[in-house]
Amino acid sequence: MKNITNPLCVLTAAVSLSLAGCDGSSPSDLVVGELTDVSIGFTETKMDVEITDPGFYSLFTRGDEDSVCKLYDADGALIVEDDDSGSEFNCMINTMLDAGNYTVGLSGYEVSDRGRVQLMLEALPVEQAKVGDVINLDVDAGRGAVIAFDVAEDGAFLLSTTGLMDTECHLYGADGKELGYNDDFGDDENCGLIQTLVSGRYHFVINGYEGEGGRTTFMAAPTEIQTLTLPVGEQQSARLDGAESLINFEVEIVDPGMYVFQTQGETDTYCELRDQSGEMMAENDDGSDHNCRIQHALTAGVYQFNVQGYSGSTGDFTAQADRR
């Protein structure tokens, strides 16, 4: 077992925030790694942020008010938002940022959520790992842990945590795009993803559920994915044999239009729709009783309909793709 306790890469950033709280406070600067008091109300407070060093950052609040965080790009387009991912009712956003200008939006969740909170923006240290390593991690409450690993050859991989901590996980590609998310994988409260990855660098971000902290382990290991062809308009029978089973149905779309992908049977399923490059387009758990169901407009091409058991469910099911 490999035990990493010291960060190998600590990212720094120069950040300037103009804070205009509801109490009319004067503009001030937010220093990376220092908590700053901010007055919030139902009306969103906007703060300009300049990032000089690309990397993973955590934006979060601490306090008794139910806060909402939003992050916008330089053109004002919303990148990501969060309500209760931090501890208690605080917001928390862990994301990869390129160098450039951003805007942070901060507000109370309801009209009654008025008061002062503490806001922090900090660069997250990145743990370096190899495929097959077991990495011990201490995840702070209200924050996240980031692991970087390289894939040498294309293939399927199981990325998961183990331990008593209730974890959530996000997978990012080298370009910062989120490739997958999971909360409860298998038959316990650990997170995990089964994903086909091409060679390159990836980042795996682990949060505690509802912002809780704790100790967990991470491992990236090669695995196998069963691939079946699913013709449009036909049913394909399959079986999920274990908690870590995933079946990839390849669907060729000839005529552009609206399509419905779904499972049928007694097995509680979770499904994802991905394009040919593996980028996720949609996901669903209980779109039709405990079966999954995805409706999506598609152009001509080959798509992946991935099915796995929800929280480790196993059993038989049928998959189908139909044009509406």
C-alpha atoms as a PDB file:
ATOM      1  CA  MET A   1       0.000   0.000   0.000  1.00  0.00           C
ATOM      2  CA  LYS A   2       1.255   3.434  -0.890  1.00  0.00           C
ATOM      3  CA  ASN A   3       0.578   6.162   1.693  1.00  0.00           C
ATOM      4  CA  ILE A   4       0.921   9.744   0.484  1.00  0.00           C
ATOM      5  CA  THR A   5       0.685  12.422   3.119  1.00  0.00           C
ATOM      6  CA  ASN A   6       2.506  15.383   1.587  1.00  0.00           C
ATOM      7  CA  PRO A   7       1.133  17.213  -1.493  1.00  0.00           C
ATOM      8  CA  LEU A   8       3.453  16.991  -4.468  1.00  0.00           C
ATOM      9  CA  CYS A   9       1.986  19.958  -6.243  1.00  0.00           C
ATOM     10  CA  VAL A  10       0.646  23.031  -4.519  1.00  0.00           C
ATOM     11  CA  LEU A  11      -0.971  25.515  -6.856  1.00  0.00           C
ATOM     12  CA  THR A  12      -0.942  29.223  -6.229  1.00  0.00           C
ATOM     13  CA  ALA A  13      -3.154  31.967  -7.582  1.00  0.00           C
ATOM     14  CA  ALA A  14      -3.452  35.703  -7.562  1.00  0.00           C
ATOM     15  CA  VAL A  15      -7.051  36.572  -6.869  1.00  0.00           C
ATOM     16  CA  SER A  16      -8.704  39.943  -6.531  1.00  0.00           C
ATOM     17  CA  LEU A  17     -12.333  40.164  -5.475  1.00  0.00           C
ATOM     18  CA  SER A  18     -14.458  43.290  -5.341  1.00  0.00           C
ATOM     19  CA  LEU A  19     -16.990  42.615  -2.608  1.00  0.00           C
ATOM     20  CA  ALA A  20     -20.188  44.597  -2.471  1.00  0.00           C
ATOM     21  CA  GLY A  21     -22.178  43.134   0.415  1.00  0.00           C
ATOM     22  CA  CYS A  22     -25.709  44.036   1.227  1.00  0.00           C
ATOM     23  CA  ASP A  23     -24.434  46.145   4.127  1.00  0.00           C
ATOM     24  CA  GLY A  24     -22.680  48.491   1.685  1.00  0.00           C
ATOM     25  CA  SER A  25     -19.193  47.364   2.710  1.00  0.00           C
ATOM     26  CA  SER A  26     -16.258  48.763   0.754  1.00  0.00           C
ATOM     27  CA  PRO A  27     -14.526  46.624  -1.896  1.00  0.00           C
ATOM     28  CA  SER A  28     -11.787  44.389  -0.515  1.00  0.00           C
ATOM     29  CA  ASP A  29      -9.360  41.709  -1.684  1.00  0.00           C
ATOM     30  CA  LEU A  30      -9.643  37.995  -1.086  1.00  0.00           C
ATOM     31  CA  VAL A  31      -6.256  36.436  -0.347  1.00  0.00           C
ATOM     32  CA  VAL A  32      -5.861  32.794  -1.337  1.00  0.00           C
ATOM     33  CA  GLY A  33      -5.936  30.626   1.786  1.00  0.00           C
ATOM     34  CA  GLU A  34      -7.501  33.279   4.024  1.00  0.00           C
ATOM     35  CA  LEU A  35     -11.142  33.409   5.101  1.00  0.00           C
ATOM     36  CA  THR A  36     -12.868  36.688   4.242  1.00  0.00           C
ATOM     37  CA  ASP A  37     -16.108  37.946   5.805  1.00  0.00           C
ATOM     38  CA  VAL A  38     -18.826  38.682   3.252  1.00  0.00           C
ATOM     39  CA  SER A  39     -22.380  39.953   3.767  1.00  0.00           C
ATOM     40  CA  ILE A  40     -24.948  38.015   1.746  1.00  0.00           C
ATOM     41  CA  GLY A  41     -28.624  38.419   0.948  1.00  0.00           C
ATOM     42  CA  PHE A  42     -31.129  37.073  -1.559  1.00  0.00           C
ATOM     43  CA  THR A  43     -29.677  39.408  -4.233  1.00  0.00           C
ATOM     44  CA  GLU A  44     -26.504  37.983  -5.724  1.00  0.00           C
ATOM     45  CA  THR A  45     -23.202  39.687  -4.887  1.00  0.00           C
ATOM     46  CA  LYS A  46     -20.766  39.620  -7.833  1.00  0.00           C
ATOM     47  CA  MET A  47     -16.980  39.354  -7.362  1.00  0.00           C
ATOM     48  CA  ASP A  48     -14.326  39.528 -10.091  1.00  0.00           C
ATOM     49  CA  VAL A  49     -11.575  36.916  -9.888  1.00  0.00           C
ATOM     50  CA  GLU A  50      -8.274  36.720 -11.766  1.00  0.00           C
ATOM     51  CA  ILE A  51      -6.544  33.334 -11.875  1.00  0.00           C
ATOM     52  CA  THR A  52      -2.885  33.448 -12.874  1.00  0.00           C
ATOM     53  CA  ASP A  53      -1.957  29.774 -12.405  1.00  0.00           C
ATOM     54  CA  PRO A  54      -4.180  27.051 -13.908  1.00  0.00           C
ATOM     55  CA  GLY A  55      -5.152  24.177 -11.632  1.00  0.00           C
ATOM     56  CA  PHE A  56      -7.828  22.838  -9.310  1.00  0.00           C
ATOM     57  CA  TYR A  57      -9.472  25.321  -6.970  1.00  0.00           C
ATOM     58  CA  SER A  58     -11.979  25.105  -4.165  1.00  0.00           C
ATOM     59  CA  LEU A  59     -14.471  27.912  -3.555  1.00  0.00           C
ATOM     60  CA  PHE A  60     -16.519  27.517  -0.382  1.00  0.00           C
ATOM     61  CA  THR A  61     -18.308  29.314   2.424  1.00  0.00           C
ATOM     62  CA  ARG A  62     -18.457  28.782   6.170  1.00  0.00           C
ATOM     63  CA  GLY A  63     -21.225  30.100   8.366  1.00  0.00           C
ATOM     64  CA  ASP A  64     -24.788  29.626   9.550  1.00  0.00           C
ATOM     65  CA  GLU A  65     -26.523  31.013   6.432  1.00  0.00           C
ATOM     66  CA  ASP A  66     -27.675  28.805   3.559  1.00  0.00           C
ATOM     67  CA  SER A  67     -25.446  30.122   0.765  1.00  0.00           C
ATOM     68  CA  VAL A  68     -25.339  29.635  -3.011  1.00  0.00           C
ATOM     69  CA  CYS A  69     -22.084  29.884  -5.002  1.00  0.00           C
ATOM     70  CA  LYS A  70     -21.865  30.465  -8.734  1.00  0.00           C
ATOM     71  CA  LEU A  71     -18.843  30.730 -11.007  1.00  0.00           C
ATOM     72  CA  TYR A  72     -18.983  32.592 -14.335  1.00  0.00           C
ATOM     73  CA  ASP A  73     -16.440  32.885 -17.140  1.00  0.00           C
ATOM     74  CA  ALA A  74     -15.102  36.185 -18.506  1.00  0.00           C
ATOM     75  CA  ASP A  75     -18.121  36.501 -20.841  1.00  0.00           C
ATOM     76  CA  GLY A  76     -20.602  36.069 -18.006  1.00  0.00           C
ATOM     77  CA  ALA A  77     -21.640  32.513 -18.942  1.00  0.00           C
ATOM     78  CA  LEU A  78     -22.373  30.268 -15.962  1.00  0.00           C
ATOM     79  CA  ILE A  79     -19.740  27.542 -15.513  1.00  0.00           C
ATOM     80  CA  VAL A  80     -20.944  25.830 -12.348  1.00  0.00           C
ATOM     81  CA  GLU A  81     -23.134  26.519  -9.332  1.00  0.00           C
ATOM     82  CA  ASP A  82     -23.690  24.879  -5.969  1.00  0.00           C
ATOM     83  CA  ASP A  83     -25.970  25.093  -2.963  1.00  0.00           C
ATOM     84  CA  ASP A  84     -25.303  22.517  -0.226  1.00  0.00           C
ATOM     85  CA  SER A  85     -22.161  20.572  -1.182  1.00  0.00           C
ATOM     86  CA  GLY A  86     -20.219  22.111   1.699  1.00  0.00           C
ATOM     87  CA  SER A  87     -20.679  21.360   5.382  1.00  0.00           C
ATOM     88  CA  GLU A  88     -24.124  22.118   6.824  1.00  0.00           C
ATOM     89  CA  PHE A  89     -25.848  24.529   4.371  1.00  0.00           C
ATOM     90  CA  ASN A  90     -22.668  26.010   2.938  1.00  0.00           C
ATOM     91  CA  CYS A  91     -21.776  25.936  -0.738  1.00  0.00           C
ATOM     92  CA  MET A  92     -18.639  24.360  -2.177  1.00  0.00           C
ATOM     93  CA  ILE A  93     -17.282  24.247  -5.726  1.00  0.00           C
ATOM     94  CA  ASN A  94     -14.214  22.200  -6.661  1.00  0.00           C
ATOM     95  CA  THR A  95     -13.226  22.733 -10.278  1.00  0.00           C
ATOM     96  CA  MET A  96     -10.341  23.123 -12.688  1.00  0.00           C
ATOM     97  CA  LEU A  97      -9.646  26.702 -13.784  1.00  0.00           C
ATOM     98  CA  ASP A  98      -7.446  28.033 -16.558  1.00  0.00           C
ATOM     99  CA  ALA A  99      -5.587  31.290 -16.179  1.00  0.00           C
ATOM    100  CA  GLY A 100      -7.973  34.160 -16.855  1.00  0.00           C
ATOM    101  CA  ASN A 101     -10.741  36.304 -15.426  1.00  0.00           C
ATOM    102  CA  TYR A 102     -13.811  34.905 -13.693  1.00  0.00           C
ATOM    103  CA  THR A 103     -16.730  36.161 -11.644  1.00  0.00           C
ATOM    104  CA  VAL A 104     -17.998  34.636  -8.414  1.00  0.00           C
ATOM    105  CA  GLY A 105     -21.662  35.048  -7.497  1.00  0.00           C
ATOM    106  CA  LEU A 106     -22.681  34.648  -3.861  1.00  0.00           C
ATOM    107  CA  SER A 107     -26.185  34.846  -2.393  1.00  0.00           C
ATOM    108  CA  GLY A 108     -28.528  33.395   0.200  1.00  0.00           C
ATOM    109  CA  TYR A 109     -30.690  30.445  -0.801  1.00  0.00           C
ATOM    110  CA  GLU A 110     -33.905  32.094   0.422  1.00  0.00           C
ATOM    111  CA  VAL A 111     -34.982  35.653   1.181  1.00  0.00           C
ATOM    112  CA  SER A 112     -34.506  34.969   4.890  1.00  0.00           C
ATOM    113  CA  ASP A 113     -30.874  33.923   4.393  1.00  0.00           C
ATOM    114  CA  ARG A 114     -29.243  37.240   5.224  1.00  0.00           C
ATOM    115  CA  GLY A 115     -26.081  37.687   7.238  1.00  0.00           C
ATOM    116  CA  ARG A 116     -22.359  37.212   7.158  1.00  0.00           C
ATOM    117  CA  VAL A 117     -20.465  34.188   5.954  1.00  0.00           C
ATOM    118  CA  GLN A 118     -16.790  33.492   5.427  1.00  0.00           C
ATOM    119  CA  LEU A 119     -15.647  32.941   1.864  1.00  0.00           C
ATOM    120  CA  MET A 120     -12.458  31.229   0.759  1.00  0.00           C
ATOM    121  CA  LEU A 121     -10.878  30.495  -2.601  1.00  0.00           C
ATOM    122  CA  GLU A 122      -7.866  28.228  -2.468  1.00  0.00           C
ATOM    123  CA  ALA A 123      -5.772  26.074  -4.763  1.00  0.00           C
ATOM    124  CA  LEU A 124      -6.153  22.387  -4.018  1.00  0.00           C
ATOM    125  CA  PRO A 125      -2.998  20.275  -3.645  1.00  0.00           C
ATOM    126  CA  VAL A 126      -2.812  17.425  -6.152  1.00  0.00           C
ATOM    127  CA  GLU A 127      -1.718  13.925  -5.156  1.00  0.00           C
ATOM    128  CA  GLN A 128       0.169  12.022  -7.849  1.00  0.00           C
ATOM    129  CA  ALA A 129      -0.781   8.369  -8.381  1.00  0.00           C
ATOM    130  CA  LYS A 130      -0.114   5.506 -10.764  1.00  0.00           C
ATOM    131  CA  VAL A 131      -2.642   2.990 -12.043  1.00  0.00           C
ATOM    132  CA  GLY A 132      -2.679   0.183  -9.485  1.00  0.00           C
ATOM    133  CA  ASP A 133      -1.533   2.331  -6.546  1.00  0.00           C
ATOM    134  CA  VAL A 134      -3.614   2.450  -3.362  1.00  0.00           C
ATOM    135  CA  ILE A 135      -3.655   6.029  -2.085  1.00  0.00           C
ATOM    136  CA  ASN A 136      -4.645   6.933   1.476  1.00  0.00           C
ATOM    137  CA  LEU A 137      -6.358  10.315   1.696  1.00  0.00           C
ATOM    138  CA  ASP A 138      -7.535  12.616   4.451  1.00  0.00           C
ATOM    139  CA  VAL A 139     -10.419  14.683   3.083  1.00  0.00           C
ATOM    140  CA  ASP A 140     -11.099  17.878   5.044  1.00  0.00           C
ATOM    141  CA  ALA A 141     -14.709  18.802   5.811  1.00  0.00           C
ATOM    142  CA  GLY A 142     -16.097  21.275   3.308  1.00  0.00           C
ATOM    143  CA  ARG A 143     -13.253  20.707   0.847  1.00  0.00           C
ATOM    144  CA  GLY A 144     -12.081  18.064  -1.592  1.00  0.00           C
ATOM    145  CA  ALA A 145      -9.060  15.938  -2.492  1.00  0.00           C
ATOM    146  CA  VAL A 146      -7.558  15.733  -5.993  1.00  0.00           C
ATOM    147  CA  ILE A 147      -5.618  12.792  -7.439  1.00  0.00           C
ATOM    148  CA  ALA A 148      -3.792  12.967 -10.788  1.00  0.00           C
ATOM    149  CA  PHE A 149      -3.003   9.765 -12.690  1.00  0.00           C
ATOM    150  CA  ASP A 150      -1.802   8.876 -16.185  1.00  0.00           C
ATOM    151  CA  VAL A 151      -3.238   6.243 -18.505  1.00  0.00           C
ATOM    152  CA  ALA A 152      -0.565   4.727 -20.740  1.00  0.00           C
ATOM    153  CA  GLU A 153      -2.832   2.635 -22.987  1.00  0.00           C
ATOM    154  CA  ASP A 154      -6.486   2.954 -23.959  1.00  0.00           C
ATOM    155  CA  GLY A 155      -8.809   0.722 -21.967  1.00  0.00           C
ATOM    156  CA  ALA A 156     -11.504   0.349 -19.317  1.00  0.00           C
ATOM    157  CA  PHE A 157     -10.747   1.350 -15.740  1.00  0.00           C
ATOM    158  CA  LEU A 158     -12.420   1.099 -12.345  1.00  0.00           C
ATOM    159  CA  LEU A 159     -11.876   4.296 -10.329  1.00  0.00           C
ATOM    160  CA  SER A 160     -13.158   3.996  -6.779  1.00  0.00           C
ATOM    161  CA  THR A 161     -12.820   4.767  -3.096  1.00  0.00           C
ATOM    162  CA  THR A 162     -12.980   2.289  -0.229  1.00  0.00           C
ATOM    163  CA  GLY A 163     -13.493   2.807   3.475  1.00  0.00           C
ATOM    164  CA  LEU A 164     -16.132   4.010   5.911  1.00  0.00           C
ATOM    165  CA  MET A 165     -16.395   7.563   4.526  1.00  0.00           C
ATOM    166  CA  ASP A 166     -19.445   8.475   2.409  1.00  0.00           C
ATOM    167  CA  THR A 167     -17.815   9.880  -0.727  1.00  0.00           C
ATOM    168  CA  GLU A 168     -18.720  11.625  -3.976  1.00  0.00           C
ATOM    169  CA  CYS A 169     -16.355  11.633  -6.949  1.00  0.00           C
ATOM    170  CA  HIS A 170     -15.819  13.529 -10.183  1.00  0.00           C
ATOM    171  CA  LEU A 171     -13.554  12.573 -13.089  1.00  0.00           C
ATOM    172  CA  TYR A 172     -11.934  15.251 -15.260  1.00  0.00           C
ATOM    173  CA  GLY A 173      -9.936  14.993 -18.476  1.00  0.00           C
ATOM    174  CA  ALA A 174      -6.740  16.880 -19.218  1.00  0.00           C
ATOM    175  CA  ASP A 175      -8.772  19.707 -20.766  1.00  0.00           C
ATOM    176  CA  GLY A 176     -10.744  20.216 -17.532  1.00  0.00           C
ATOM    177  CA  LYS A 177     -14.007  18.739 -18.858  1.00  0.00           C
ATOM    178  CA  GLU A 178     -15.953  16.628 -16.389  1.00  0.00           C
ATOM    179  CA  LEU A 179     -16.196  13.069 -17.722  1.00  0.00           C
ATOM    180  CA  GLY A 180     -18.186  11.422 -14.959  1.00  0.00           C
ATOM    181  CA  TYR A 181     -19.748  11.697 -11.499  1.00  0.00           C
ATOM    182  CA  ASN A 182     -20.871   9.199  -8.886  1.00  0.00           C
ATOM    183  CA  ASP A 183     -22.150   9.157  -5.324  1.00  0.00           C
ATOM    184  CA  ASP A 184     -22.914   5.604  -4.142  1.00  0.00           C
ATOM    185  CA  PHE A 185     -21.163   2.932  -6.199  1.00  0.00           C
ATOM    186  CA  GLY A 186     -21.496  -0.761  -5.461  1.00  0.00           C
ATOM    187  CA  ASP A 187     -23.195  -1.917  -2.276  1.00  0.00           C
ATOM    188  CA  ASP A 188     -21.926   0.738   0.162  1.00  0.00           C
ATOM    189  CA  GLU A 189     -21.495   4.533   0.405  1.00  0.00           C
ATOM    190  CA  ASN A 190     -18.226   4.759  -1.526  1.00  0.00           C
ATOM    191  CA  CYS A 191     -18.100   6.408  -4.933  1.00  0.00           C
ATOM    192  CA  GLY A 192     -16.786   4.783  -8.082  1.00  0.00           C
ATOM    193  CA  LEU A 193     -16.753   4.984 -11.859  1.00  0.00           C
ATOM    194  CA  ILE A 194     -16.193   2.418 -14.592  1.00  0.00           C
ATOM    195  CA  GLN A 195     -14.920   4.333 -17.580  1.00  0.00           C
ATOM    196  CA  THR A 196     -13.257   3.754 -20.926  1.00  0.00           C
ATOM    197  CA  LEU A 197     -10.233   6.059 -21.053  1.00  0.00           C
ATOM    198  CA  VAL A 198      -7.779   6.935 -23.792  1.00  0.00           C
ATOM    199  CA  SER A 199      -4.117   7.482 -23.000  1.00  0.00           C
ATOM    200  CA  GLY A 200      -3.465  10.755 -21.203  1.00  0.00           C
ATOM    201  CA  ARG A 201      -3.699  12.506 -17.824  1.00  0.00           C
ATOM    202  CA  TYR A 202      -6.826  12.516 -15.649  1.00  0.00           C
ATOM    203  CA  HIS A 203      -7.885  14.058 -12.348  1.00  0.00           C
ATOM    204  CA  PHE A 204     -10.157  12.369  -9.814  1.00  0.00           C
ATOM    205  CA  VAL A 205     -11.782  14.690  -7.265  1.00  0.00           C
ATOM    206  CA  ILE A 206     -13.198  13.228  -4.035  1.00  0.00           C
ATOM    207  CA  ASN A 207     -15.630  15.080  -1.745  1.00  0.00           C
ATOM    208  CA  GLY A 208     -17.329  13.949   1.423  1.00  0.00           C
ATOM    209  CA  TYR A 209     -21.101  13.618   1.024  1.00  0.00           C
ATOM    210  CA  GLU A 210     -22.760  16.828   2.262  1.00  0.00           C
ATOM    211  CA  GLY A 211     -19.311  18.267   2.917  1.00  0.00           C
ATOM    212  CA  GLU A 212     -18.302  15.781   5.593  1.00  0.00           C
ATOM    213  CA  GLY A 213     -14.626  15.012   6.127  1.00  0.00           C
ATOM    214  CA  GLY A 214     -12.877  11.723   6.795  1.00  0.00           C
ATOM    215  CA  ARG A 215     -10.339   9.193   5.640  1.00  0.00           C
ATOM    216  CA  THR A 216     -10.647   7.143   2.471  1.00  0.00           C
ATOM    217  CA  THR A 217      -8.531   5.287  -0.074  1.00  0.00           C
ATOM    218  CA  PHE A 218      -8.429   5.648  -3.856  1.00  0.00           C
ATOM    219  CA  MET A 219      -7.401   3.185  -6.547  1.00  0.00           C
ATOM    220  CA  ALA A 220      -7.438   3.209 -10.347  1.00  0.00           C
ATOM    221  CA  ALA A 221      -7.332  -0.317 -11.770  1.00  0.00           C
ATOM    222  CA  PRO A 222      -7.868  -1.869 -15.219  1.00  0.00           C
ATOM    223  CA  THR A 223     -11.186  -3.667 -15.659  1.00  0.00           C
ATOM    224  CA  GLU A 224     -13.377  -5.112 -18.389  1.00  0.00           C
ATOM    225  CA  ILE A 225     -16.581  -3.766 -19.917  1.00  0.00           C
ATOM    226  CA  GLN A 226     -19.007  -6.012 -21.772  1.00  0.00           C
ATOM    227  CA  THR A 227     -19.968  -4.424 -25.110  1.00  0.00           C
ATOM    228  CA  LEU A 228     -23.154  -5.363 -26.987  1.00  0.00           C
ATOM    229  CA  THR A 229     -24.785  -4.015 -30.129  1.00  0.00           C
ATOM    230  CA  LEU A 230     -28.249  -2.505 -29.676  1.00  0.00           C
ATOM    231  CA  PRO A 231     -30.125  -1.936 -32.974  1.00  0.00           C
ATOM    232  CA  VAL A 232     -32.717   0.842 -32.908  1.00  0.00           C
ATOM    233  CA  GLY A 233     -36.215  -0.555 -32.391  1.00  0.00           C
ATOM    234  CA  GLU A 234     -35.048  -3.864 -30.922  1.00  0.00           C
ATOM    235  CA  GLN A 235     -34.598  -5.210 -27.393  1.00  0.00           C
ATOM    236  CA  GLN A 236     -31.352  -6.672 -26.092  1.00  0.00           C
ATOM    237  CA  SER A 237     -31.288  -8.884 -23.018  1.00  0.00           C
ATOM    238  CA  ALA A 238     -28.361  -8.627 -20.604  1.00  0.00           C
ATOM    239  CA  ARG A 239     -27.350  -9.388 -17.041  1.00  0.00           C
ATOM    240  CA  LEU A 240     -25.443  -7.427 -14.403  1.00  0.00           C
ATOM    241  CA  ASP A 241     -23.486 -10.106 -12.524  1.00  0.00           C
ATOM    242  CA  GLY A 242     -21.809  -8.008  -9.833  1.00  0.00           C
ATOM    243  CA  ALA A 243     -21.811  -4.685  -8.040  1.00  0.00           C
ATOM    244  CA  GLU A 244     -19.046  -3.435 -10.346  1.00  0.00           C
ATOM    245  CA  SER A 245     -20.629  -4.654 -13.605  1.00  0.00           C
ATOM    246  CA  LEU A 246     -21.219  -2.258 -16.500  1.00  0.00           C
ATOM    247  CA  ILE A 247     -22.592  -3.070 -19.940  1.00  0.00           C
ATOM    248  CA  ASN A 248     -21.935  -0.792 -22.899  1.00  0.00           C
ATOM    249  CA  PHE A 249     -24.573  -0.917 -25.634  1.00  0.00           C
ATOM    250  CA  GLU A 250     -23.380   0.543 -28.940  1.00  0.00           C
ATOM    251  CA  VAL A 251     -26.204   2.202 -30.865  1.00  0.00           C
ATOM    252  CA  GLU A 252     -25.876   3.450 -34.436  1.00  0.00           C
ATOM    253  CA  ILE A 253     -28.191   6.337 -35.287  1.00  0.00           C
ATOM    254  CA  VAL A 254     -28.840   6.691 -39.030  1.00  0.00           C
ATOM    255  CA  ASP A 255     -31.716   9.188 -39.057  1.00  0.00           C
ATOM    256  CA  PRO A 256     -31.384  12.347 -36.911  1.00  0.00           C
ATOM    257  CA  GLY A 257     -34.221  12.861 -34.469  1.00  0.00           C
ATOM    258  CA  MET A 258     -35.488  12.305 -30.915  1.00  0.00           C
ATOM    259  CA  TYR A 259     -34.612   8.945 -29.359  1.00  0.00           C
ATOM    260  CA  VAL A 260     -35.500   7.196 -26.102  1.00  0.00           C
ATOM    261  CA  PHE A 261     -33.037   4.835 -24.372  1.00  0.00           C
ATOM    262  CA  GLN A 262     -34.347   2.742 -21.496  1.00  0.00           C
ATOM    263  CA  THR A 263     -34.191  -0.505 -19.562  1.00  0.00           C
ATOM    264  CA  GLN A 264     -36.999  -2.835 -18.522  1.00  0.00           C
ATOM    265  CA  GLY A 265     -37.086  -5.448 -15.800  1.00  0.00           C
ATOM    266  CA  GLU A 266     -36.837  -5.858 -12.018  1.00  0.00           C
ATOM    267  CA  THR A 267     -33.211  -4.693 -11.742  1.00  0.00           C
ATOM    268  CA  ASP A 268     -32.698  -1.136 -10.438  1.00  0.00           C
ATOM    269  CA  THR A 269     -30.523   0.426 -13.158  1.00  0.00           C
ATOM    270  CA  TYR A 270     -28.504   3.588 -13.699  1.00  0.00           C
ATOM    271  CA  CYS A 271     -27.618   4.629 -17.237  1.00  0.00           C
ATOM    272  CA  GLU A 272     -25.533   7.126 -19.180  1.00  0.00           C
ATOM    273  CA  LEU A 273     -25.636   8.260 -22.787  1.00  0.00           C
ATOM    274  CA  ARG A 274     -22.241   9.076 -24.275  1.00  0.00           C
ATOM    275  CA  ASP A 275     -20.992  10.074 -27.710  1.00  0.00           C
ATOM    276  CA  GLN A 276     -18.415   8.066 -29.654  1.00  0.00           C
ATOM    277  CA  SER A 277     -15.536   9.878 -27.936  1.00  0.00           C
ATOM    278  CA  GLY A 278     -16.904   8.885 -24.521  1.00  0.00           C
ATOM    279  CA  GLU A 279     -18.145  12.316 -23.438  1.00  0.00           C
ATOM    280  CA  MET A 280     -21.279  12.033 -21.316  1.00  0.00           C
ATOM    281  CA  MET A 281     -24.399  13.604 -22.822  1.00  0.00           C
ATOM    282  CA  ALA A 282     -27.066  12.570 -20.287  1.00  0.00           C
ATOM    283  CA  GLU A 283     -27.660  10.312 -17.287  1.00  0.00           C
ATOM    284  CA  ASN A 284     -30.643   8.912 -15.410  1.00  0.00           C
ATOM    285  CA  ASP A 285     -31.572   6.657 -12.517  1.00  0.00           C
ATOM    286  CA  ASP A 286     -35.336   6.265 -12.115  1.00  0.00           C
ATOM    287  CA  GLY A 287     -36.848   7.688 -15.293  1.00  0.00           C
ATOM    288  CA  SER A 288     -39.371   4.852 -15.398  1.00  0.00           C
ATOM    289  CA  ASP A 289     -40.070   3.254 -11.965  1.00  0.00           C
ATOM    290  CA  HIS A 290     -36.674   1.795 -10.941  1.00  0.00           C
ATOM    291  CA  ASN A 291     -35.564   1.462 -14.568  1.00  0.00           C
ATOM    292  CA  CYS A 292     -33.488   4.189 -16.207  1.00  0.00           C
ATOM    293  CA  ARG A 293     -34.745   6.237 -19.146  1.00  0.00           C
ATOM    294  CA  ILE A 294     -33.057   8.900 -21.295  1.00  0.00           C
ATOM    295  CA  GLN A 295     -34.656  10.971 -24.049  1.00  0.00           C
ATOM    296  CA  HIS A 296     -32.275  12.908 -26.294  1.00  0.00           C
ATOM    297  CA  ALA A 297     -32.196  14.518 -29.733  1.00  0.00           C
ATOM    298  CA  LEU A 298     -29.369  12.950 -31.748  1.00  0.00           C
ATOM    299  CA  THR A 299     -27.596  13.469 -35.039  1.00  0.00           C
ATOM    300  CA  ALA A 300     -26.375  10.523 -37.127  1.00  0.00           C
ATOM    301  CA  GLY A 301     -23.506   8.623 -35.527  1.00  0.00           C
ATOM    302  CA  VAL A 302     -22.553   5.911 -33.032  1.00  0.00           C
ATOM    303  CA  TYR A 303     -23.473   6.347 -29.362  1.00  0.00           C
ATOM    304  CA  GLN A 304     -22.840   4.458 -26.126  1.00  0.00           C
ATOM    305  CA  PHE A 305     -25.702   3.532 -23.804  1.00  0.00           C
ATOM    306  CA  ASN A 306     -23.999   2.440 -20.584  1.00  0.00           C
ATOM    307  CA  VAL A 307     -26.007   0.514 -17.987  1.00  0.00           C
ATOM    308  CA  GLN A 308     -25.009  -0.503 -14.465  1.00  0.00           C
ATOM    309  CA  GLY A 309     -26.839  -1.439 -11.288  1.00  0.00           C
ATOM    310  CA  TYR A 310     -27.892   1.357  -8.972  1.00  0.00           C
ATOM    311  CA  SER A 311     -26.028   1.039  -5.647  1.00  0.00           C
ATOM    312  CA  GLY A 312     -24.702  -2.363  -6.678  1.00  0.00           C
ATOM    313  CA  SER A 313     -27.982  -3.874  -7.914  1.00  0.00           C
ATOM    314  CA  THR A 314     -27.589  -7.044  -9.950  1.00  0.00           C
ATOM    315  CA  GLY A 315     -29.856  -9.096 -12.168  1.00  0.00           C
ATOM    316  CA  ASP A 316     -31.387  -9.454 -15.615  1.00  0.00           C
ATOM    317  CA  PHE A 317     -32.830  -6.621 -17.697  1.00  0.00           C
ATOM    318  CA  THR A 318     -33.547  -5.634 -21.283  1.00  0.00           C
ATOM    319  CA  ALA A 319     -32.291  -2.509 -23.023  1.00  0.00           C
ATOM    320  CA  GLN A 320     -33.866  -0.769 -25.978  1.00  0.00           C
ATOM    321  CA  ALA A 321     -33.480   2.364 -28.089  1.00  0.00           C
ATOM    322  CA  ASP A 322     -36.464   3.735 -30.001  1.00  0.00           C
ATOM    323  CA  ARG A 323     -37.118   6.748 -32.189  1.00  0.00           C
ATOM    324  CA  ARG A 324     -40.037   8.846 -31.006  1.00  0.00           C
END
